[in-house]
Amino acid sequence: MPAAHYRVSGIVQGVGFRWFVREKARRLGLAGWVRNLPSGEVEIAASGEQQQLTLLLDTVREGPPGARVDRVVTLPESDMPVLEHPFQVVR
């Protein structure tokens, strides 16, 4: 199954970004998680159909109101831990 692993920077903490991503990923039927990083960035790991992953990436690049996405970096899938369903926010 296709998977994606991202690190998102900008104003992405304290603005509902993780919950925004979780809700979109769940609506798309994706497995995975989203979490804050100590650096102020957000990390996302997801798996599912490629079309759904592309839609998630489009959503992540836009972000919720109040957020500002400056950069989305694709990380190696080999660094991605096991993904669970339903998509969740982890700490």
PDB file of N, CA and C in Angstrom:
ATOM      1  N   MET A   1       0.845  -1.179   0.000  1.00  0.00           N
ATOM      2  CA  MET A   1       0.000   0.000   0.000  1.00  0.00           C
ATOM      3  C   MET A   1       0.891   1.243   0.000  1.00  0.00           C
ATOM      4  N   PRO A   2       0.568   2.240  -0.821  1.00  0.00           N
ATOM      5  CA  PRO A   2       1.358   3.465  -0.861  1.00  0.00           C
ATOM      6  C   PRO A   2       1.374   4.169   0.493  1.00  0.00           C
ATOM      7  N   ALA A   3       2.472   4.858   0.775  1.00  0.00           N
ATOM      8  CA  ALA A   3       2.619   5.579   2.038  1.00  0.00           C
ATOM      9  C   ALA A   3       3.321   6.900   1.784  1.00  0.00           C
ATOM     10  N   ALA A   4       3.179   7.806   2.744  1.00  0.00           N
ATOM     11  CA  ALA A   4       3.812   9.117   2.658  1.00  0.00           C
ATOM     12  C   ALA A   4       4.277   9.530   4.044  1.00  0.00           C
ATOM     13  N   HIS A   5       5.405  10.238   4.093  1.00  0.00           N
ATOM     14  CA  HIS A   5       5.984  10.688   5.364  1.00  0.00           C
ATOM     15  C   HIS A   5       6.467  12.115   5.140  1.00  0.00           C
ATOM     16  N   TYR A   6       5.935  13.067   5.922  1.00  0.00           N
ATOM     17  CA  TYR A   6       6.230  14.481   5.708  1.00  0.00           C
ATOM     18  C   TYR A   6       6.640  15.177   7.000  1.00  0.00           C
ATOM     19  N   ARG A   7       7.420  16.240   6.838  1.00  0.00           N
ATOM     20  CA  ARG A   7       7.711  17.183   7.922  1.00  0.00           C
ATOM     21  C   ARG A   7       7.285  18.555   7.403  1.00  0.00           C
ATOM     22  N   VAL A   8       6.430  19.222   8.182  1.00  0.00           N
ATOM     23  CA  VAL A   8       5.824  20.485   7.761  1.00  0.00           C
ATOM     24  C   VAL A   8       6.329  21.603   8.661  1.00  0.00           C
ATOM     25  N   SER A   9       6.791  22.701   8.048  1.00  0.00           N
ATOM     26  CA  SER A   9       7.269  23.834   8.840  1.00  0.00           C
ATOM     27  C   SER A   9       6.481  25.088   8.483  1.00  0.00           C
ATOM     28  N   GLY A  10       6.531  26.034   9.400  1.00  0.00           N
ATOM     29  CA  GLY A  10       5.800  27.291   9.268  1.00  0.00           C
ATOM     30  C   GLY A  10       5.119  27.563  10.597  1.00  0.00           C
ATOM     31  N   ILE A  11       3.969  28.177  10.546  1.00  0.00           N
ATOM     32  CA  ILE A  11       3.156  28.345  11.756  1.00  0.00           C
ATOM     33  C   ILE A  11       2.169  27.184  11.746  1.00  0.00           C
ATOM     34  N   VAL A  12       2.593  26.079  12.357  1.00  0.00           N
ATOM     35  CA  VAL A  12       1.813  24.838  12.291  1.00  0.00           C
ATOM     36  C   VAL A  12       1.547  24.232  13.673  1.00  0.00           C
ATOM     37  N   GLN A  13       1.964  24.914  14.717  1.00  0.00           N
ATOM     38  CA  GLN A  13       1.654  24.463  16.067  1.00  0.00           C
ATOM     39  C   GLN A  13       0.839  25.539  16.763  1.00  0.00           C
ATOM     40  N   GLY A  14      -0.141  25.093  17.558  1.00  0.00           N
ATOM     41  CA  GLY A  14      -0.990  26.028  18.279  1.00  0.00           C
ATOM     42  C   GLY A  14      -2.088  26.651  17.431  1.00  0.00           C
ATOM     43  N   VAL A  15      -2.333  26.092  16.250  1.00  0.00           N
ATOM     44  CA  VAL A  15      -3.351  26.639  15.347  1.00  0.00           C
ATOM     45  C   VAL A  15      -4.341  25.568  14.875  1.00  0.00           C
ATOM     46  N   GLY A  16      -4.359  24.417  15.538  1.00  0.00           N
ATOM     47  CA  GLY A  16      -5.280  23.336  15.162  1.00  0.00           C
ATOM     48  C   GLY A  16      -4.829  22.522  13.968  1.00  0.00           C
ATOM     49  N   PHE A  17      -3.563  22.621  13.611  1.00  0.00           N
ATOM     50  CA  PHE A  17      -3.062  21.950  12.413  1.00  0.00           C
ATOM     51  C   PHE A  17      -3.187  20.426  12.507  1.00  0.00           C
ATOM     52  N   ARG A  18      -2.781  19.854  13.653  1.00  0.00           N
ATOM     53  CA  ARG A  18      -2.839  18.391  13.779  1.00  0.00           C
ATOM     54  C   ARG A  18      -4.267  17.879  13.654  1.00  0.00           C
ATOM     55  N   TRP A  19      -5.218  18.553  14.265  1.00  0.00           N
ATOM     56  CA  TRP A  19      -6.615  18.105  14.216  1.00  0.00           C
ATOM     57  C   TRP A  19      -7.181  18.285  12.816  1.00  0.00           C
ATOM     58  N   PHE A  20      -6.772  19.332  12.145  1.00  0.00           N
ATOM     59  CA  PHE A  20      -7.159  19.579  10.765  1.00  0.00           C
ATOM     60  C   PHE A  20      -6.695  18.425   9.873  1.00  0.00           C
ATOM     61  N   VAL A  21      -5.435  18.020  10.033  1.00  0.00           N
ATOM     62  CA  VAL A  21      -4.872  16.918   9.247  1.00  0.00           C
ATOM     63  C   VAL A  21      -5.582  15.613   9.594  1.00  0.00           C
ATOM     64  N   ARG A  22      -5.802  15.379  10.888  1.00  0.00           N
ATOM     65  CA  ARG A  22      -6.466  14.139  11.313  1.00  0.00           C
ATOM     66  C   ARG A  22      -7.842  14.007  10.678  1.00  0.00           C
ATOM     67  N   GLU A  23      -8.621  15.062  10.718  1.00  0.00           N
ATOM     68  CA  GLU A  23      -9.979  14.990  10.170  1.00  0.00           C
ATOM     69  C   GLU A  23      -9.966  14.746   8.673  1.00  0.00           C
ATOM     70  N   LYS A  24      -9.088  15.421   7.957  1.00  0.00           N
ATOM     71  CA  LYS A  24      -9.004  15.215   6.507  1.00  0.00           C
ATOM     72  C   LYS A  24      -8.559  13.789   6.198  1.00  0.00           C
ATOM     73  N   ALA A  25      -7.531  13.298   6.909  1.00  0.00           N
ATOM     74  CA  ALA A  25      -7.030  11.943   6.668  1.00  0.00           C
ATOM     75  C   ALA A  25      -8.105  10.900   6.957  1.00  0.00           C
ATOM     76  N   ARG A  26      -8.865  11.097   8.018  1.00  0.00           N
ATOM     77  CA  ARG A  26      -9.946  10.149   8.332  1.00  0.00           C
ATOM     78  C   ARG A  26     -11.015  10.157   7.250  1.00  0.00           C
ATOM     79  N   ARG A  27     -11.384  11.343   6.782  1.00  0.00           N
ATOM     80  CA  ARG A  27     -12.385  11.418   5.705  1.00  0.00           C
ATOM     81  C   ARG A  27     -11.882  10.726   4.439  1.00  0.00           C
ATOM     82  N   LEU A  28     -10.572  10.741   4.234  1.00  0.00           N
ATOM     83  CA  LEU A  28      -9.986  10.090   3.062  1.00  0.00           C
ATOM     84  C   LEU A  28      -9.753   8.591   3.272  1.00  0.00           C
ATOM     85  N   GLY A  29      -9.984   8.099   4.484  1.00  0.00           N
ATOM     86  CA  GLY A  29      -9.815   6.672   4.772  1.00  0.00           C
ATOM     87  C   GLY A  29      -8.364   6.248   4.937  1.00  0.00           C
ATOM     88  N   LEU A  30      -7.490   7.178   5.319  1.00  0.00           N
ATOM     89  CA  LEU A  30      -6.070   6.866   5.463  1.00  0.00           C
ATOM     90  C   LEU A  30      -5.747   6.357   6.865  1.00  0.00           C
ATOM     91  N   ALA A  31      -4.720   5.544   6.951  1.00  0.00           N
ATOM     92  CA  ALA A  31      -4.155   5.130   8.233  1.00  0.00           C
ATOM     93  C   ALA A  31      -2.970   6.041   8.513  1.00  0.00           C
ATOM     94  N   GLY A  32      -2.580   6.151   9.798  1.00  0.00           N
ATOM     95  CA  GLY A  32      -1.389   6.916  10.110  1.00  0.00           C
ATOM     96  C   GLY A  32      -1.556   7.816  11.303  1.00  0.00           C
ATOM     97  N   TRP A  33      -0.709   8.840  11.346  1.00  0.00           N
ATOM     98  CA  TRP A  33      -0.692   9.749  12.495  1.00  0.00           C
ATOM     99  C   TRP A  33      -0.074  11.086  12.125  1.00  0.00           C
ATOM    100  N   VAL A  34      -0.284  12.056  13.020  1.00  0.00           N
ATOM    101  CA  VAL A  34       0.314  13.385  12.920  1.00  0.00           C
ATOM    102  C   VAL A  34       0.765  13.761  14.320  1.00  0.00           C
ATOM    103  N   ARG A  35       1.929  14.440  14.416  1.00  0.00           N
ATOM    104  CA  ARG A  35       2.421  14.853  15.733  1.00  0.00           C
ATOM    105  C   ARG A  35       3.258  16.118  15.624  1.00  0.00           C
ATOM    106  N   ASN A  36       3.297  16.858  16.757  1.00  0.00           N
ATOM    107  CA  ASN A  36       4.176  18.014  16.871  1.00  0.00           C
ATOM    108  C   ASN A  36       5.593  17.550  17.135  1.00  0.00           C
ATOM    109  N   LEU A  37       6.547  18.296  16.633  1.00  0.00           N
ATOM    110  CA  LEU A  37       7.959  18.043  16.901  1.00  0.00           C
ATOM    111  C   LEU A  37       8.506  19.173  17.778  1.00  0.00           C
ATOM    112  N   PRO A  38       9.523  18.879  18.593  1.00  0.00           N
ATOM    113  CA  PRO A  38      10.119  19.919  19.437  1.00  0.00           C
ATOM    114  C   PRO A  38      10.644  21.121  18.645  1.00  0.00           C
ATOM    115  N   SER A  39      10.947  20.923  17.388  1.00  0.00           N
ATOM    116  CA  SER A  39      11.485  21.991  16.527  1.00  0.00           C
ATOM    117  C   SER A  39      10.432  23.029  16.133  1.00  0.00           C
ATOM    118  N   GLY A  40       9.157  22.755  16.459  1.00  0.00           N
ATOM    119  CA  GLY A  40       8.069  23.628  16.033  1.00  0.00           C
ATOM    120  C   GLY A  40       7.420  23.166  14.738  1.00  0.00           C
ATOM    121  N   GLU A  41       7.925  22.087  14.181  1.00  0.00           N
ATOM    122  CA  GLU A  41       7.372  21.509  12.962  1.00  0.00           C
ATOM    123  C   GLU A  41       6.337  20.444  13.325  1.00  0.00           C
ATOM    124  N   VAL A  42       5.674  19.922  12.300  1.00  0.00           N
ATOM    125  CA  VAL A  42       4.714  18.833  12.454  1.00  0.00           C
ATOM    126  C   VAL A  42       5.161  17.701  11.542  1.00  0.00           C
ATOM    127  N   GLU A  43       5.055  16.470  12.036  1.00  0.00           N
ATOM    128  CA  GLU A  43       5.396  15.278  11.254  1.00  0.00           C
ATOM    129  C   GLU A  43       4.114  14.512  10.961  1.00  0.00           C
ATOM    130  N   ILE A  44       4.020  14.015   9.729  1.00  0.00           N
ATOM    131  CA  ILE A  44       2.842  13.273   9.281  1.00  0.00           C
ATOM    132  C   ILE A  44       3.299  11.984   8.628  1.00  0.00           C
ATOM    133  N   ALA A  45       2.656  10.877   8.989  1.00  0.00           N
ATOM    134  CA  ALA A  45       2.889   9.591   8.336  1.00  0.00           C
ATOM    135  C   ALA A  45       1.525   9.029   7.964  1.00  0.00           C
ATOM    136  N   ALA A  46       1.351   8.646   6.712  1.00  0.00           N
ATOM    137  CA  ALA A  46       0.042   8.174   6.250  1.00  0.00           C
ATOM    138  C   ALA A  46       0.206   7.066   5.223  1.00  0.00           C
ATOM    139  N   SER A  47      -0.796   6.201   5.149  1.00  0.00           N
ATOM    140  CA  SER A  47      -0.813   5.185   4.094  1.00  0.00           C
ATOM    141  C   SER A  47      -2.244   4.995   3.618  1.00  0.00           C
ATOM    142  N   GLY A  48      -2.353   4.609   2.363  1.00  0.00           N
ATOM    143  CA  GLY A  48      -3.660   4.396   1.742  1.00  0.00           C
ATOM    144  C   GLY A  48      -3.504   4.462   0.237  1.00  0.00           C
ATOM    145  N   GLU A  49      -4.592   4.708  -0.443  1.00  0.00           N
ATOM    146  CA  GLU A  49      -4.565   4.811  -1.894  1.00  0.00           C
ATOM    147  C   GLU A  49      -3.796   6.065  -2.314  1.00  0.00           C
ATOM    148  N   GLN A  50      -3.058   5.975  -3.416  1.00  0.00           N
ATOM    149  CA  GLN A  50      -2.229   7.094  -3.866  1.00  0.00           C
ATOM    150  C   GLN A  50      -3.044   8.358  -4.101  1.00  0.00           C
ATOM    151  N   GLN A  51      -4.206   8.244  -4.680  1.00  0.00           N
ATOM    152  CA  GLN A  51      -5.048   9.417  -4.938  1.00  0.00           C
ATOM    153  C   GLN A  51      -5.410  10.109  -3.622  1.00  0.00           C
ATOM    154  N   GLN A  52      -5.710   9.329  -2.586  1.00  0.00           N
ATOM    155  CA  GLN A  52      -6.068   9.897  -1.285  1.00  0.00           C
ATOM    156  C   GLN A  52      -4.853  10.578  -0.639  1.00  0.00           C
ATOM    157  N   LEU A  53      -3.673   9.974  -0.797  1.00  0.00           N
ATOM    158  CA  LEU A  53      -2.451  10.586  -0.262  1.00  0.00           C
ATOM    159  C   LEU A  53      -2.156  11.924  -0.953  1.00  0.00           C
ATOM    160  N   THR A  54      -2.414  11.996  -2.232  1.00  0.00           N
ATOM    161  CA  THR A  54      -2.215  13.242  -2.976  1.00  0.00           C
ATOM    162  C   THR A  54      -3.174  14.318  -2.480  1.00  0.00           C
ATOM    163  N   LEU A  55      -4.420  13.939  -2.227  1.00  0.00           N
ATOM    164  CA  LEU A  55      -5.394  14.890  -1.688  1.00  0.00           C
ATOM    165  C   LEU A  55      -4.976  15.366  -0.299  1.00  0.00           C
ATOM    166  N   LEU A  56      -4.443  14.457   0.521  1.00  0.00           N
ATOM    167  CA  LEU A  56      -3.967  14.852   1.842  1.00  0.00           C
ATOM    168  C   LEU A  56      -2.823  15.865   1.711  1.00  0.00           C
ATOM    169  N   LEU A  57      -1.879  15.606   0.836  1.00  0.00           N
ATOM    170  CA  LEU A  57      -0.755  16.520   0.645  1.00  0.00           C
ATOM    171  C   LEU A  57      -1.240  17.902   0.210  1.00  0.00           C
ATOM    172  N   ASP A  58      -2.212  17.955  -0.685  1.00  0.00           N
ATOM    173  CA  ASP A  58      -2.777  19.240  -1.102  1.00  0.00           C
ATOM    174  C   ASP A  58      -3.370  19.977   0.096  1.00  0.00           C
ATOM    175  N   THR A  59      -4.058  19.255   0.967  1.00  0.00           N
ATOM    176  CA  THR A  59      -4.663  19.830   2.162  1.00  0.00           C
ATOM    177  C   THR A  59      -3.593  20.324   3.120  1.00  0.00           C
ATOM    178  N   VAL A  60      -2.545  19.530   3.307  1.00  0.00           N
ATOM    179  CA  VAL A  60      -1.449  19.898   4.215  1.00  0.00           C
ATOM    180  C   VAL A  60      -0.775  21.173   3.727  1.00  0.00           C
ATOM    181  N   ARG A  61      -0.561  21.298   2.449  1.00  0.00           N
ATOM    182  CA  ARG A  61       0.097  22.489   1.900  1.00  0.00           C
ATOM    183  C   ARG A  61      -0.727  23.756   2.125  1.00  0.00           C
ATOM    184  N   GLU A  62      -2.036  23.606   2.180  1.00  0.00           N
ATOM    185  CA  GLU A  62      -2.915  24.751   2.417  1.00  0.00           C
ATOM    186  C   GLU A  62      -3.016  25.058   3.909  1.00  0.00           C
ATOM    187  N   GLY A  63      -3.229  24.029   4.731  1.00  0.00           N
ATOM    188  CA  GLY A  63      -3.364  24.214   6.168  1.00  0.00           C
ATOM    189  C   GLY A  63      -4.692  24.832   6.554  1.00  0.00           C
ATOM    190  N   PRO A  64      -4.997  24.829   7.858  1.00  0.00           N
ATOM    191  CA  PRO A  64      -6.246  25.411   8.341  1.00  0.00           C
ATOM    192  C   PRO A  64      -6.115  26.935   8.463  1.00  0.00           C
ATOM    193  N   PRO A  65      -7.238  27.630   8.661  1.00  0.00           N
ATOM    194  CA  PRO A  65      -7.150  29.071   8.923  1.00  0.00           C
ATOM    195  C   PRO A  65      -6.260  29.315  10.145  1.00  0.00           C
ATOM    196  N   GLY A  66      -5.432  30.306  10.089  1.00  0.00           N
ATOM    197  CA  GLY A  66      -4.535  30.621  11.205  1.00  0.00           C
ATOM    198  C   GLY A  66      -3.159  29.995  11.071  1.00  0.00           C
ATOM    199  N   ALA A  67      -3.030  28.993  10.218  1.00  0.00           N
ATOM    200  CA  ALA A  67      -1.731  28.348   9.989  1.00  0.00           C
ATOM    201  C   ALA A  67      -1.056  29.003   8.786  1.00  0.00           C
ATOM    202  N   ARG A  68       0.253  28.827   8.718  1.00  0.00           N
ATOM    203  CA  ARG A  68       1.008  29.239   7.542  1.00  0.00           C
ATOM    204  C   ARG A  68       2.014  28.129   7.250  1.00  0.00           C
ATOM    205  N   VAL A  69       1.831  27.460   6.139  1.00  0.00           N
ATOM    206  CA  VAL A  69       2.740  26.384   5.750  1.00  0.00           C
ATOM    207  C   VAL A  69       3.823  26.985   4.862  1.00  0.00           C
ATOM    208  N   ASP A  70       5.057  26.933   5.371  1.00  0.00           N
ATOM    209  CA  ASP A  70       6.184  27.452   4.602  1.00  0.00           C
ATOM    210  C   ASP A  70       6.846  26.378   3.754  1.00  0.00           C
ATOM    211  N   ARG A  71       6.842  25.158   4.279  1.00  0.00           N
ATOM    212  CA  ARG A  71       7.582  24.093   3.596  1.00  0.00           C
ATOM    213  C   ARG A  71       7.042  22.729   4.000  1.00  0.00           C
ATOM    214  N   VAL A  72       6.950  21.831   3.025  1.00  0.00           N
ATOM    215  CA  VAL A  72       6.612  20.430   3.271  1.00  0.00           C
ATOM    216  C   VAL A  72       7.751  19.601   2.701  1.00  0.00           C
ATOM    217  N   VAL A  73       8.440  18.868   3.567  1.00  0.00           N
ATOM    218  CA  VAL A  73       9.563  18.031   3.157  1.00  0.00           C
ATOM    219  C   VAL A  73       9.107  16.582   3.162  1.00  0.00           C
ATOM    220  N   THR A  74       9.368  15.873   2.075  1.00  0.00           N
ATOM    221  CA  THR A  74       9.070  14.449   2.019  1.00  0.00           C
ATOM    222  C   THR A  74      10.227  13.690   2.651  1.00  0.00           C
ATOM    223  N   LEU A  75       9.899  12.872   3.642  1.00  0.00           N
ATOM    224  CA  LEU A  75      10.894  12.074   4.349  1.00  0.00           C
ATOM    225  C   LEU A  75      10.914  10.658   3.789  1.00  0.00           C
ATOM    226  N   PRO A  76      12.020   9.932   3.974  1.00  0.00           N
ATOM    227  CA  PRO A  76      12.083   8.551   3.486  1.00  0.00           C
ATOM    228  C   PRO A  76      11.042   7.664   4.176  1.00  0.00           C
ATOM    229  N   GLU A  77      10.366   6.863   3.396  1.00  0.00           N
ATOM    230  CA  GLU A  77       9.388   5.941   3.971  1.00  0.00           C
ATOM    231  C   GLU A  77      10.055   4.931   4.891  1.00  0.00           C
ATOM    232  N   SER A  78      11.335   4.661   4.680  1.00  0.00           N
ATOM    233  CA  SER A  78      12.043   3.691   5.512  1.00  0.00           C
ATOM    234  C   SER A  78      12.134   4.158   6.965  1.00  0.00           C
ATOM    235  N   ASP A  79      12.002   5.473   7.205  1.00  0.00           N
ATOM    236  CA  ASP A  79      12.036   6.023   8.559  1.00  0.00           C
ATOM    237  C   ASP A  79      10.663   6.027   9.212  1.00  0.00           C
ATOM    238  N   MET A  80       9.648   5.570   8.508  1.00  0.00           N
ATOM    239  CA  MET A  80       8.276   5.659   8.980  1.00  0.00           C
ATOM    240  C   MET A  80       7.914   4.459   9.845  1.00  0.00           C
ATOM    241  N   PRO A  81       7.421   4.710  11.064  1.00  0.00           N
ATOM    242  CA  PRO A  81       6.986   3.610  11.914  1.00  0.00           C
ATOM    243  C   PRO A  81       5.684   2.989  11.414  1.00  0.00           C
ATOM    244  N   VAL A  82       5.247   1.936  12.073  1.00  0.00           N
ATOM    245  CA  VAL A  82       4.016   1.234  11.722  1.00  0.00           C
ATOM    246  C   VAL A  82       2.831   2.197  11.826  1.00  0.00           C
ATOM    247  N   LEU A  83       1.936   2.114  10.866  1.00  0.00           N
ATOM    248  CA  LEU A  83       0.769   2.990  10.841  1.00  0.00           C
ATOM    249  C   LEU A  83      -0.472   2.221  11.251  1.00  0.00           C
ATOM    250  N   GLU A  84      -1.331   2.892  12.011  1.00  0.00           N
ATOM    251  CA  GLU A  84      -2.557   2.264  12.475  1.00  0.00           C
ATOM    252  C   GLU A  84      -3.758   2.994  11.929  1.00  0.00           C
ATOM    253  N   HIS A  85      -4.866   2.300  11.937  1.00  0.00           N
ATOM    254  CA  HIS A  85      -6.129   2.859  11.478  1.00  0.00           C
ATOM    255  C   HIS A  85      -7.044   2.962  12.680  1.00  0.00           C
ATOM    256  N   PRO A  86      -7.786   3.994  12.951  1.00  0.00           N
ATOM    257  CA  PRO A  86      -7.919   5.196  12.144  1.00  0.00           C
ATOM    258  C   PRO A  86      -6.753   6.143  12.359  1.00  0.00           C
ATOM    259  N   PHE A  87      -6.628   7.086  11.460  1.00  0.00           N
ATOM    260  CA  PHE A  87      -5.593   8.117  11.546  1.00  0.00           C
ATOM    261  C   PHE A  87      -5.756   8.829  12.883  1.00  0.00           C
ATOM    262  N   GLN A  88      -4.635   9.131  13.546  1.00  0.00           N
ATOM    263  CA  GLN A  88      -4.729   9.732  14.870  1.00  0.00           C
ATOM    264  C   GLN A  88      -3.670  10.793  15.123  1.00  0.00           C
ATOM    265  N   VAL A  89      -3.925  11.606  16.134  1.00  0.00           N
ATOM    266  CA  VAL A  89      -2.945  12.558  16.642  1.00  0.00           C
ATOM    267  C   VAL A  89      -2.177  11.840  17.725  1.00  0.00           C
ATOM    268  N   VAL A  90      -0.852  11.866  17.640  1.00  0.00           N
ATOM    269  CA  VAL A  90      -0.021  11.258  18.680  1.00  0.00           C
ATOM    270  C   VAL A  90       0.823  12.337  19.318  1.00  0.00           C
ATOM    271  N   ARG A  91       1.270  12.056  20.517  1.00  0.00           N
ATOM    272  CA  ARG A  91       2.084  13.031  21.261  1.00  0.00           C
ATOM    273  C   ARG A  91       3.476  12.520  21.421  1.00  0.00           C
TER     274      ARG A  91
END
